[in-house]
């Protein structure tokens, strides 16, 4: 549900608030109930769609003197939408959206949300550029960019680049992607090099894999790569590496990832089956930023 809400929306009110000396309107602070009623009354009068209701569910400290941070639930029938907003404690001014701390480096902030502990990776940990990919072994665009990475980009940059892989199987449209992600994590349990052997095998054989034959194909890849096949199959059958897949999924959701492939190059987000030139441009930009 997307609703067009008039008024307390946005850059104009941010500027208005800034012009009013840091946010507070100057009047006495209202109780949470009174503040909520004022906010709800305003939006109820602003909406043109009938049947829409508003409710403020919580307030918290905004981190700015004289301001409160709230969450409002907008409902229309069975549909709901949560909207964050800021309001002065006296109920005078409000704006919707997120407060941005301009003193924080957004790329570093993004990288801080990514776990690098015990992850499949290639390249030195102290490389000048770190590429993190959220990928799906059944995704055709991921297979295309796999070829780009392997045949072009990673070879050209060598030790300047660290490449970290994260599983993001889109199981709603790719029926064997979840099982393939699990197989890759089971291979990783036997060593980083074993993961990359499974990674190479799954992507290079993508066109021949089906939901029905995935287990056999993954077993063949494991055998050819020198894995302990019995241990590998026990891991797959018992879903003993599912927690690792789930951790990647939760991390991706926190970063707003919703498609594959999605890359973060030193924190800068790129999506889709990127051409070699596009990836190289992003890497060169990151190398330049590092000096």
Protein backbone atom coordinates (compact mmCIF):
# COMPACT_ATOMS: atom_id res chain seq x y z
CA UNK A 1 0.00 0.00 0.00
CA UNK A 2 1.40 3.36 -1.00
CA UNK A 3 -0.48 6.47 0.03
CA UNK A 4 0.17 10.05 -1.00
CA UNK A 5 0.24 12.05 2.21
CA UNK A 6 0.10 15.80 1.81
CA UNK A 7 2.04 18.29 3.83
CA UNK A 8 4.44 17.03 6.47
CA UNK A 9 6.64 15.53 3.91
CA UNK A 10 9.84 16.39 3.62
CA UNK A 11 12.67 18.60 2.47
CA UNK A 12 10.58 21.76 2.81
CA UNK A 13 9.73 21.02 6.42
CA UNK A 14 13.28 19.95 7.13
CA UNK A 15 14.32 23.43 6.05
CA UNK A 16 11.50 24.99 8.04
CA UNK A 17 12.55 23.08 11.13
CA UNK A 18 16.16 24.11 10.64
CA UNK A 19 15.06 27.73 10.39
CA UNK A 20 13.31 27.45 13.74
CA UNK A 21 16.46 27.05 15.78
CA UNK A 22 17.07 23.31 16.07
CA UNK A 23 13.58 21.90 15.90
CA UNK A 24 11.49 22.72 18.95
CA UNK A 25 8.57 25.00 18.23
CA UNK A 26 8.98 26.93 21.46
CA UNK A 27 5.69 26.01 23.16
CA UNK A 28 5.09 23.76 26.17
CA UNK A 29 5.61 20.04 25.61
CA UNK A 30 2.48 17.95 25.04
CA UNK A 31 1.77 14.55 26.55
CA UNK A 32 2.27 11.59 24.20
CA UNK A 33 -1.49 11.14 23.93
CA UNK A 34 -2.07 14.79 23.04
CA UNK A 35 0.83 14.75 20.61
CA UNK A 36 -0.51 11.61 18.93
CA UNK A 37 -3.97 13.10 18.60
CA UNK A 38 -2.60 16.20 16.91
CA UNK A 39 -0.52 14.14 14.45
CA UNK A 40 -3.41 11.79 13.65
CA UNK A 41 -5.87 14.67 13.21
CA UNK A 42 -3.53 16.36 10.76
CA UNK A 43 -3.00 13.30 8.59
CA UNK A 44 -6.65 12.26 8.74
CA UNK A 45 -7.58 15.63 7.24
CA UNK A 46 -4.77 15.42 4.67
CA UNK A 47 -5.67 12.08 3.09
CA UNK A 48 -8.13 11.98 0.21
CA UNK A 49 -8.67 8.20 0.21
CA UNK A 50 -11.71 7.14 2.24
CA UNK A 51 -11.41 4.39 4.83
CA UNK A 52 -7.82 5.16 5.78
CA UNK A 53 -7.04 5.27 9.50
CA UNK A 54 -3.96 6.45 11.38
CA UNK A 55 -2.56 5.42 14.75
CA UNK A 56 0.67 6.41 16.46
CA UNK A 57 2.08 3.28 18.07
CA UNK A 58 5.16 4.54 19.88
CA UNK A 59 7.51 7.41 20.58
CA UNK A 60 11.19 7.40 21.41
CA UNK A 61 13.92 9.94 21.95
CA UNK A 62 14.89 11.55 18.64
CA UNK A 63 18.37 12.51 19.74
CA UNK A 64 17.54 16.18 19.07
CA UNK A 65 16.50 18.52 21.90
CA UNK A 66 12.80 19.30 21.70
CA UNK A 67 11.98 16.57 19.16
CA UNK A 68 10.30 13.17 19.40
CA UNK A 69 10.59 10.25 16.99
CA UNK A 70 7.39 8.33 16.32
CA UNK A 71 5.96 5.43 14.36
CA UNK A 72 2.54 5.72 12.75
CA UNK A 73 0.52 2.82 11.37
CA UNK A 74 -1.59 3.67 8.33
CA UNK A 75 -4.38 1.16 7.66
CA UNK A 76 -6.75 0.61 4.75
CA UNK A 77 -8.82 -2.54 5.12
CA UNK A 78 -6.40 -5.43 5.67
CA UNK A 79 -3.39 -3.45 4.44
CA UNK A 80 -1.06 -1.61 6.79
CA UNK A 81 2.00 0.56 6.33
CA UNK A 82 4.41 1.80 9.00
CA UNK A 83 5.63 5.37 8.61
CA UNK A 84 8.38 6.94 10.67
CA UNK A 85 8.11 10.61 11.53
CA UNK A 86 9.60 13.32 13.74
CA UNK A 87 7.57 15.89 15.65
CA UNK A 88 8.44 18.73 18.00
CA UNK A 89 7.45 18.03 21.59
CA UNK A 90 5.01 20.95 21.49
CA UNK A 91 3.28 19.49 18.41
CA UNK A 92 4.17 22.46 16.20
CA UNK A 93 6.33 20.95 13.45
CA UNK A 94 6.73 17.48 11.95
CA UNK A 95 8.43 15.74 9.06
CA UNK A 96 8.35 12.21 7.70
CA UNK A 97 11.30 9.98 6.92
CA UNK A 98 14.66 9.27 8.48
CA UNK A 99 17.03 11.59 10.23
CA UNK A 100 20.45 11.49 8.60
CA UNK A 101 23.64 12.03 10.56
CA UNK A 102 25.85 13.83 8.06
CA UNK A 103 28.92 13.23 10.24
CA UNK A 104 28.74 9.47 9.57
CA UNK A 105 30.34 8.00 6.43
CA UNK A 106 27.44 6.11 4.77
CA UNK A 107 29.77 3.62 3.09
CA UNK A 108 31.50 2.77 6.35
CA UNK A 109 28.11 2.52 8.02
CA UNK A 110 26.98 0.01 5.39
CA UNK A 111 30.14 -2.06 5.77
CA UNK A 112 29.66 -2.13 9.54
CA UNK A 113 26.38 -4.02 9.02
CA UNK A 114 28.11 -6.83 7.09
CA UNK A 115 29.62 -9.79 8.93
CA UNK A 116 33.06 -10.86 7.75
CA UNK A 117 33.60 -13.55 10.39
CA UNK A 118 33.93 -17.07 8.97
CA UNK A 119 32.66 -16.17 5.49
CA UNK A 120 33.62 -17.60 2.08
CA UNK A 121 36.19 -15.18 0.72
CA UNK A 122 39.02 -14.73 -1.72
CA UNK A 123 41.85 -12.24 -1.63
CA UNK A 124 43.72 -10.69 1.29
CA UNK A 125 41.76 -9.40 4.28
CA UNK A 126 43.64 -6.11 4.08
CA UNK A 127 42.90 -5.56 0.39
CA UNK A 128 42.16 -1.95 -0.56
CA UNK A 129 38.76 -2.93 -1.96
CA UNK A 130 36.23 -5.38 -0.54
CA UNK A 131 33.45 -6.66 -2.80
CA UNK A 132 30.52 -8.37 -1.10
CA UNK A 133 28.04 -10.17 -3.34
CA UNK A 134 24.56 -11.37 -2.33
CA UNK A 135 23.76 -14.05 -4.87
CA UNK A 136 21.50 -16.94 -5.89
CA UNK A 137 22.91 -20.05 -7.58
CA UNK A 138 19.81 -20.44 -9.78
CA UNK A 139 19.69 -16.79 -10.84
CA UNK A 140 20.67 -16.44 -14.53
CA UNK A 141 21.94 -12.89 -13.99
CA UNK A 142 24.14 -14.17 -11.16
CA UNK A 143 25.60 -16.78 -13.51
CA UNK A 144 26.40 -14.05 -16.03
CA UNK A 145 28.16 -11.90 -13.48
CA UNK A 146 29.95 -15.00 -12.16
CA UNK A 147 31.62 -15.30 -15.55
CA UNK A 148 32.46 -11.59 -15.48
CA UNK A 149 34.08 -11.89 -12.07
CA UNK A 150 36.00 -15.07 -12.77
CA UNK A 151 37.17 -14.37 -16.30
CA UNK A 152 37.81 -10.68 -16.10
CA UNK A 153 37.51 -8.59 -12.97
CA UNK A 154 39.15 -10.66 -10.23
CA UNK A 155 42.07 -11.64 -12.44
CA UNK A 156 42.78 -8.03 -13.36
CA UNK A 157 42.90 -6.67 -9.81
CA UNK A 158 44.61 -9.52 -7.99
CA UNK A 159 45.52 -8.73 -4.37
CA UNK A 160 43.89 -5.30 -4.54
CA UNK A 161 40.46 -6.93 -4.13
CA UNK A 162 38.88 -9.10 -1.47
CA UNK A 163 35.74 -10.92 -2.64
CA UNK A 164 33.18 -12.14 -0.08
CA UNK A 165 30.18 -14.27 -1.06
CA UNK A 166 26.79 -14.24 0.66
CA UNK A 167 23.82 -16.48 -0.09
CA UNK A 168 20.54 -14.80 -0.98
CA UNK A 169 18.40 -17.55 -2.57
CA UNK A 170 15.15 -16.24 -4.05
CA UNK A 171 13.20 -19.39 -3.25
CA UNK A 172 9.85 -17.95 -4.31
CA UNK A 173 10.97 -17.95 -7.95
CA UNK A 174 13.96 -20.32 -7.94
CA UNK A 175 12.92 -23.75 -6.62
CA UNK A 176 16.39 -25.22 -6.11
CA UNK A 177 18.24 -22.08 -5.03
CA UNK A 178 17.71 -22.70 -1.32
CA UNK A 179 19.09 -26.24 -1.51
CA UNK A 180 22.05 -25.01 -3.55
CA UNK A 181 22.81 -22.35 -0.94
CA UNK A 182 22.72 -25.03 1.74
CA UNK A 183 25.06 -27.24 -0.32
CA UNK A 184 27.54 -24.39 -0.66
CA UNK A 185 27.55 -23.77 3.09
CA UNK A 186 27.99 -27.50 3.75
CA UNK A 187 31.00 -27.43 1.44
CA UNK A 188 32.33 -24.40 3.30
CA UNK A 189 32.26 -26.39 6.54
CA UNK A 190 35.08 -28.46 5.03
CA UNK A 191 37.18 -25.48 4.03
CA UNK A 192 37.15 -22.19 2.18
CA UNK A 193 38.62 -23.82 -0.94
CA UNK A 194 35.86 -26.43 -0.86
CA UNK A 195 33.25 -23.69 -0.91
CA UNK A 196 34.77 -22.13 -4.01
CA UNK A 197 34.84 -25.50 -5.74
CA UNK A 198 31.11 -25.87 -5.04
CA UNK A 199 30.51 -22.26 -6.11
CA UNK A 200 32.30 -22.84 -9.41
CA UNK A 201 30.50 -26.11 -10.02
CA UNK A 202 27.00 -24.84 -9.28
CA UNK A 203 27.34 -21.76 -11.47
CA UNK A 204 29.13 -23.49 -14.34
CA UNK A 205 26.53 -26.30 -14.40
CA UNK A 206 23.52 -24.07 -13.69
CA UNK A 207 21.81 -24.89 -17.00
CA UNK A 208 21.89 -28.63 -16.29
CA UNK A 209 20.62 -28.50 -12.71
CA UNK A 210 17.02 -29.10 -11.70
CA UNK A 211 15.32 -29.38 -8.35
CA UNK A 212 15.20 -33.14 -8.85
CA UNK A 213 18.88 -33.66 -9.69
CA UNK A 214 20.50 -30.97 -7.54
CA UNK A 215 21.49 -33.38 -4.78
CA UNK A 216 23.25 -35.69 -7.24
CA UNK A 217 24.93 -32.81 -9.08
CA UNK A 218 26.14 -31.25 -5.83
CA UNK A 219 27.38 -34.65 -4.70
CA UNK A 220 29.36 -35.01 -7.93
CA UNK A 221 30.91 -31.57 -7.45
CA UNK A 222 31.79 -32.45 -3.86
CA UNK A 223 33.42 -35.71 -4.93
CA UNK A 224 35.43 -34.06 -7.71
CA UNK A 225 36.61 -31.37 -5.28
CA UNK A 226 37.86 -33.91 -2.76
CA UNK A 227 35.29 -33.30 -0.06
CA UNK A 228 34.36 -35.97 2.47
CA UNK A 229 31.20 -36.85 0.56
CA UNK A 230 29.54 -38.75 3.40
CA UNK A 231 30.02 -35.79 5.74
CA UNK A 232 28.81 -33.41 3.03
CA UNK A 233 25.63 -35.41 2.39
CA UNK A 234 24.97 -35.70 6.12
CA UNK A 235 25.20 -31.92 6.38
CA UNK A 236 22.85 -31.40 3.43
CA UNK A 237 20.30 -34.00 4.57
CA UNK A 238 20.33 -32.70 8.13
CA UNK A 239 20.36 -29.03 7.06
CA UNK A 240 23.29 -28.54 9.42
CA UNK A 241 24.43 -25.37 7.66
CA UNK A 242 20.99 -23.77 7.33
CA UNK A 243 21.82 -21.27 10.08
CA UNK A 244 24.57 -19.83 7.88
CA UNK A 245 22.15 -19.38 4.97
CA UNK A 246 19.58 -17.78 7.27
CA UNK A 247 22.19 -15.40 8.69
CA UNK A 248 23.00 -14.20 5.17
CA UNK A 249 19.30 -13.71 4.43
CA UNK A 250 18.73 -11.69 7.60
CA UNK A 251 21.79 -9.57 6.93
CA UNK A 252 20.67 -8.90 3.37
CA UNK A 253 17.23 -7.85 4.58
CA UNK A 254 18.80 -5.41 7.04
CA UNK A 255 20.73 -3.88 4.14
CA UNK A 256 17.62 -3.60 1.98
CA UNK A 257 18.75 -6.22 -0.53
CA UNK A 258 15.79 -7.50 -2.55
CA UNK A 259 17.27 -8.79 -5.80
CA UNK A 260 20.26 -10.71 -7.10
CA UNK A 261 23.00 -10.15 -7.76
CA UNK A 262 23.56 -7.24 -5.39
CA UNK A 263 27.09 -6.02 -4.70
CA UNK A 264 28.63 -3.72 -2.14
CA UNK A 265 31.99 -2.35 -3.27
CA UNK A 266 33.55 -0.83 -0.15
CA UNK A 267 29.95 -0.19 0.90
CA UNK A 268 28.71 1.29 -2.37
CA UNK A 269 25.71 -0.65 -3.65
CA UNK A 270 25.44 -1.99 -7.22
CA UNK A 271 22.78 -4.33 -8.59
CA UNK A 272 22.21 -6.51 -11.62
CA UNK A 273 24.31 -8.41 -14.14
CA UNK A 274 26.97 -5.75 -14.34
CA UNK A 275 29.25 -5.50 -17.35
CA UNK A 276 32.99 -5.78 -16.67
CA UNK A 277 33.41 -2.05 -17.29
CA UNK A 278 30.80 -1.20 -14.64
CA UNK A 279 32.40 -3.35 -11.98
CA UNK A 280 35.86 -2.07 -12.84
CA UNK A 281 34.66 1.51 -12.65
CA UNK A 282 33.31 0.87 -9.14
CA UNK A 283 36.57 -0.80 -8.08
CA UNK A 284 38.69 1.99 -9.55
CA UNK A 285 36.55 4.55 -7.76
CA UNK A 286 37.07 2.71 -4.46
CA UNK A 287 40.81 2.44 -5.10
CA UNK A 288 40.96 6.16 -5.76
CA UNK A 289 39.03 6.91 -2.58
CA UNK A 290 41.58 4.89 -0.65
CA UNK A 291 44.36 6.97 -2.09
